[in-house]
Amino acid sequence: MLADDVAHGHNMNLEYAALHRDLTADYEKALTYAMKEYELRPNNIDVNRLLSSIYQQMGQTEKARNHFEKASRTGSKHPDLLGLKEGLASI
């Protein structure tokens, strides 16, 4: 289904990144897709939230914190952001 969306011109980088992070635990591949999106939208909250979670899973705390700060700049109470905050606080 995602391949069909891509074939029709839709950008599915975030979806592919989340899929690899959550279903295959292939964090390198997830990072590849997320970074493609980051290059297009470096200040986007969703992109930075995803990158923070990927880096956290990879044990790269400093990079996770950097992207967390970008993602939380609006004070959003998104559940994923709150979970990231708790995870980073415990490290």
N, C-alpha and C. Protein backbone atom coordinates (compact mmCIF):
# COMPACT_ATOMS: atom_id res chain seq x y z
N MET A 1 0.82 -1.19 0.00
CA MET A 1 0.00 0.00 0.00
C MET A 1 0.87 1.26 0.00
N LEU A 2 1.94 1.27 0.80
CA LEU A 2 2.83 2.44 0.82
C LEU A 2 3.52 2.61 -0.53
N ALA A 3 3.92 1.50 -1.14
CA ALA A 3 4.58 1.57 -2.45
C ALA A 3 3.64 2.17 -3.48
N ASP A 4 2.36 1.87 -3.39
CA ASP A 4 1.37 2.44 -4.30
C ASP A 4 1.27 3.96 -4.11
N ASP A 5 1.30 4.39 -2.86
CA ASP A 5 1.28 5.83 -2.58
C ASP A 5 2.50 6.53 -3.18
N VAL A 6 3.66 5.91 -3.01
CA VAL A 6 4.89 6.48 -3.57
C VAL A 6 4.81 6.53 -5.09
N ALA A 7 4.29 5.46 -5.69
CA ALA A 7 4.16 5.39 -7.15
C ALA A 7 3.25 6.49 -7.68
N HIS A 8 2.33 6.95 -6.84
CA HIS A 8 1.41 8.03 -7.23
C HIS A 8 1.89 9.40 -6.78
N GLY A 9 3.15 9.47 -6.37
CA GLY A 9 3.76 10.76 -6.08
C GLY A 9 3.67 11.25 -4.65
N HIS A 10 3.21 10.42 -3.74
CA HIS A 10 3.10 10.84 -2.35
C HIS A 10 4.42 10.60 -1.62
N ASN A 11 4.78 11.52 -0.74
CA ASN A 11 5.97 11.39 0.08
C ASN A 11 5.61 10.54 1.30
N MET A 12 6.23 9.40 1.43
CA MET A 12 5.91 8.48 2.52
C MET A 12 7.11 8.23 3.44
N ASN A 13 8.05 9.16 3.45
CA ASN A 13 9.27 8.97 4.24
C ASN A 13 8.99 8.75 5.72
N LEU A 14 8.10 9.55 6.31
CA LEU A 14 7.82 9.40 7.73
C LEU A 14 7.16 8.05 8.03
N GLU A 15 6.26 7.64 7.14
CA GLU A 15 5.59 6.36 7.33
C GLU A 15 6.57 5.20 7.24
N TYR A 16 7.46 5.24 6.26
CA TYR A 16 8.48 4.19 6.14
C TYR A 16 9.42 4.20 7.34
N ALA A 17 9.79 5.38 7.80
CA ALA A 17 10.68 5.47 8.96
C ALA A 17 10.02 4.86 10.19
N ALA A 18 8.76 5.21 10.42
CA ALA A 18 8.04 4.67 11.58
C ALA A 18 7.85 3.16 11.46
N LEU A 19 7.59 2.69 10.26
CA LEU A 19 7.42 1.26 10.03
C LEU A 19 8.69 0.50 10.38
N HIS A 20 9.83 0.99 9.92
CA HIS A 20 11.10 0.32 10.23
C HIS A 20 11.46 0.43 11.70
N ARG A 21 11.13 1.55 12.31
CA ARG A 21 11.40 1.71 13.75
C ARG A 21 10.54 0.75 14.56
N ASP A 22 9.25 0.69 14.25
CA ASP A 22 8.31 -0.05 15.09
C ASP A 22 8.17 -1.53 14.76
N LEU A 23 8.21 -1.88 13.49
CA LEU A 23 7.94 -3.27 13.11
C LEU A 23 9.17 -4.12 12.87
N THR A 24 10.23 -3.52 12.37
CA THR A 24 11.42 -4.32 12.06
C THR A 24 12.59 -4.02 12.99
N ALA A 25 12.47 -2.95 13.77
CA ALA A 25 13.55 -2.49 14.65
C ALA A 25 14.85 -2.28 13.87
N ASP A 26 14.69 -1.92 12.59
CA ASP A 26 15.84 -1.59 11.74
C ASP A 26 16.04 -0.08 11.83
N TYR A 27 16.73 0.35 12.88
CA TYR A 27 16.86 1.77 13.17
C TYR A 27 17.70 2.51 12.14
N GLU A 28 18.65 1.84 11.54
CA GLU A 28 19.45 2.47 10.49
C GLU A 28 18.58 2.81 9.28
N LYS A 29 17.73 1.87 8.89
CA LYS A 29 16.84 2.11 7.75
C LYS A 29 15.81 3.18 8.12
N ALA A 30 15.30 3.12 9.34
CA ALA A 30 14.36 4.14 9.80
C ALA A 30 15.01 5.52 9.75
N LEU A 31 16.25 5.58 10.18
CA LEU A 31 16.99 6.85 10.18
C LEU A 31 17.19 7.36 8.75
N THR A 32 17.46 6.47 7.82
CA THR A 32 17.64 6.86 6.42
C THR A 32 16.40 7.57 5.90
N TYR A 33 15.23 6.99 6.14
CA TYR A 33 13.99 7.61 5.68
C TYR A 33 13.69 8.91 6.42
N ALA A 34 13.91 8.90 7.73
CA ALA A 34 13.63 10.10 8.52
C ALA A 34 14.55 11.26 8.11
N MET A 35 15.80 10.96 7.81
CA MET A 35 16.73 12.01 7.41
C MET A 35 16.38 12.59 6.04
N LYS A 36 15.82 11.78 5.15
CA LYS A 36 15.34 12.32 3.87
C LYS A 36 14.29 13.39 4.12
N GLU A 37 13.42 13.11 5.06
CA GLU A 37 12.36 14.07 5.38
C GLU A 37 12.93 15.28 6.12
N TYR A 38 13.91 15.05 6.99
CA TYR A 38 14.54 16.13 7.73
C TYR A 38 15.22 17.12 6.78
N GLU A 39 15.81 16.60 5.72
CA GLU A 39 16.44 17.48 4.73
C GLU A 39 15.42 18.40 4.07
N LEU A 40 14.19 17.91 3.93
CA LEU A 40 13.13 18.72 3.33
C LEU A 40 12.49 19.67 4.34
N ARG A 41 12.35 19.20 5.59
CA ARG A 41 11.62 19.97 6.61
C ARG A 41 12.34 19.90 7.96
N PRO A 42 13.47 20.58 8.08
CA PRO A 42 14.28 20.45 9.30
C PRO A 42 13.64 21.02 10.57
N ASN A 43 12.66 21.87 10.44
CA ASN A 43 12.03 22.45 11.63
C ASN A 43 10.67 21.85 11.94
N ASN A 44 10.28 20.81 11.21
CA ASN A 44 8.98 20.20 11.41
C ASN A 44 8.95 19.41 12.71
N ILE A 45 7.93 19.62 13.50
CA ILE A 45 7.81 18.99 14.80
C ILE A 45 7.71 17.47 14.68
N ASP A 46 6.89 16.98 13.75
CA ASP A 46 6.72 15.54 13.59
C ASP A 46 8.01 14.86 13.15
N VAL A 47 8.73 15.48 12.26
CA VAL A 47 10.00 14.94 11.79
C VAL A 47 11.00 14.85 12.95
N ASN A 48 11.09 15.91 13.71
CA ASN A 48 12.04 15.93 14.83
C ASN A 48 11.62 14.98 15.95
N ARG A 49 10.33 14.82 16.17
CA ARG A 49 9.85 13.86 17.17
C ARG A 49 10.23 12.44 16.76
N LEU A 50 10.05 12.13 15.49
CA LEU A 50 10.41 10.81 14.98
C LEU A 50 11.92 10.57 15.08
N LEU A 51 12.70 11.57 14.67
CA LEU A 51 14.15 11.44 14.77
C LEU A 51 14.60 11.25 16.22
N SER A 52 13.98 11.98 17.13
CA SER A 52 14.33 11.83 18.54
C SER A 52 14.08 10.41 19.01
N SER A 53 12.96 9.84 18.61
CA SER A 53 12.64 8.48 19.05
C SER A 53 13.58 7.46 18.44
N ILE A 54 13.96 7.65 17.18
CA ILE A 54 14.89 6.73 16.53
C ILE A 54 16.25 6.80 17.21
N TYR A 55 16.75 8.01 17.42
CA TYR A 55 18.05 8.15 18.07
C TYR A 55 18.02 7.60 19.49
N GLN A 56 16.90 7.77 20.18
CA GLN A 56 16.80 7.23 21.53
C GLN A 56 16.90 5.70 21.48
N GLN A 57 16.22 5.07 20.53
CA GLN A 57 16.30 3.61 20.38
C GLN A 57 17.72 3.16 20.04
N MET A 58 18.46 4.00 19.33
CA MET A 58 19.82 3.66 18.93
C MET A 58 20.84 3.95 20.05
N GLY A 59 20.37 4.54 21.15
CA GLY A 59 21.26 4.86 22.26
C GLY A 59 22.08 6.12 22.04
N GLN A 60 21.67 6.95 21.08
CA GLN A 60 22.38 8.19 20.79
C GLN A 60 21.63 9.34 21.48
N THR A 61 21.85 9.42 22.78
CA THR A 61 21.10 10.32 23.65
C THR A 61 21.22 11.79 23.26
N GLU A 62 22.41 12.24 22.95
CA GLU A 62 22.60 13.67 22.65
C GLU A 62 21.82 14.07 21.40
N LYS A 63 21.86 13.24 20.37
CA LYS A 63 21.09 13.53 19.16
C LYS A 63 19.60 13.45 19.45
N ALA A 64 19.20 12.49 20.29
CA ALA A 64 17.79 12.37 20.66
C ALA A 64 17.32 13.63 21.38
N ARG A 65 18.14 14.13 22.28
CA ARG A 65 17.78 15.37 23.01
C ARG A 65 17.69 16.57 22.08
N ASN A 66 18.61 16.67 21.15
CA ASN A 66 18.61 17.78 20.20
C ASN A 66 17.30 17.82 19.41
N HIS A 67 16.89 16.67 18.89
CA HIS A 67 15.66 16.63 18.10
C HIS A 67 14.43 16.76 19.00
N PHE A 68 14.52 16.27 20.23
CA PHE A 68 13.42 16.45 21.17
C PHE A 68 13.18 17.93 21.44
N GLU A 69 14.25 18.68 21.63
CA GLU A 69 14.12 20.12 21.89
C GLU A 69 13.45 20.83 20.71
N LYS A 70 13.82 20.47 19.49
CA LYS A 70 13.19 21.06 18.32
C LYS A 70 11.71 20.69 18.25
N ALA A 71 11.41 19.44 18.58
CA ALA A 71 10.03 18.97 18.48
C ALA A 71 9.13 19.55 19.57
N SER A 72 9.70 19.90 20.71
CA SER A 72 8.88 20.37 21.83
C SER A 72 8.86 21.89 21.97
N ARG A 73 9.36 22.59 20.98
CA ARG A 73 9.45 24.05 21.09
C ARG A 73 8.10 24.75 21.21
N THR A 74 7.01 24.11 20.80
CA THR A 74 5.69 24.74 20.88
C THR A 74 4.97 24.42 22.18
N GLY A 75 5.55 23.54 22.99
CA GLY A 75 4.88 23.13 24.23
C GLY A 75 3.81 22.08 23.99
N SER A 76 3.88 21.38 22.89
CA SER A 76 2.91 20.35 22.55
C SER A 76 2.82 19.29 23.64
N LYS A 77 1.64 18.76 23.84
CA LYS A 77 1.42 17.69 24.83
C LYS A 77 1.19 16.35 24.12
N HIS A 78 1.75 16.21 22.92
CA HIS A 78 1.60 14.98 22.15
C HIS A 78 2.09 13.81 23.00
N PRO A 79 1.33 12.72 23.06
CA PRO A 79 1.73 11.59 23.91
C PRO A 79 3.12 11.03 23.59
N ASP A 80 3.48 10.99 22.31
CA ASP A 80 4.81 10.49 21.95
C ASP A 80 5.91 11.40 22.49
N LEU A 81 5.65 12.70 22.46
CA LEU A 81 6.64 13.66 22.98
C LEU A 81 6.80 13.49 24.48
N LEU A 82 5.68 13.31 25.16
CA LEU A 82 5.75 13.13 26.62
C LEU A 82 6.51 11.85 26.98
N GLY A 83 6.31 10.79 26.19
CA GLY A 83 7.04 9.55 26.41
C GLY A 83 8.53 9.72 26.16
N LEU A 84 8.87 10.47 25.12
CA LEU A 84 10.28 10.75 24.83
C LEU A 84 10.91 11.52 25.98
N LYS A 85 10.17 12.49 26.51
CA LYS A 85 10.68 13.31 27.60
C LYS A 85 11.01 12.44 28.81
N GLU A 86 10.10 11.52 29.13
CA GLU A 86 10.32 10.61 30.26
C GLU A 86 11.53 9.71 30.00
N GLY A 87 11.63 9.21 28.78
CA GLY A 87 12.75 8.33 28.43
C GLY A 87 14.08 9.05 28.50
N LEU A 88 14.12 10.28 28.02
CA LEU A 88 15.38 11.03 28.05
C LEU A 88 15.74 11.46 29.45
N ALA A 89 14.73 11.72 30.29
CA ALA A 89 14.99 12.13 31.67
C ALA A 89 15.61 11.00 32.47
N SER A 90 15.30 9.77 32.09
CA SER A 90 15.80 8.62 32.85
C SER A 90 17.22 8.22 32.46
N ILE A 91 17.76 8.88 31.43
CA ILE A 91 19.12 8.54 30.95
C ILE A 91 20.13 9.46 31.59
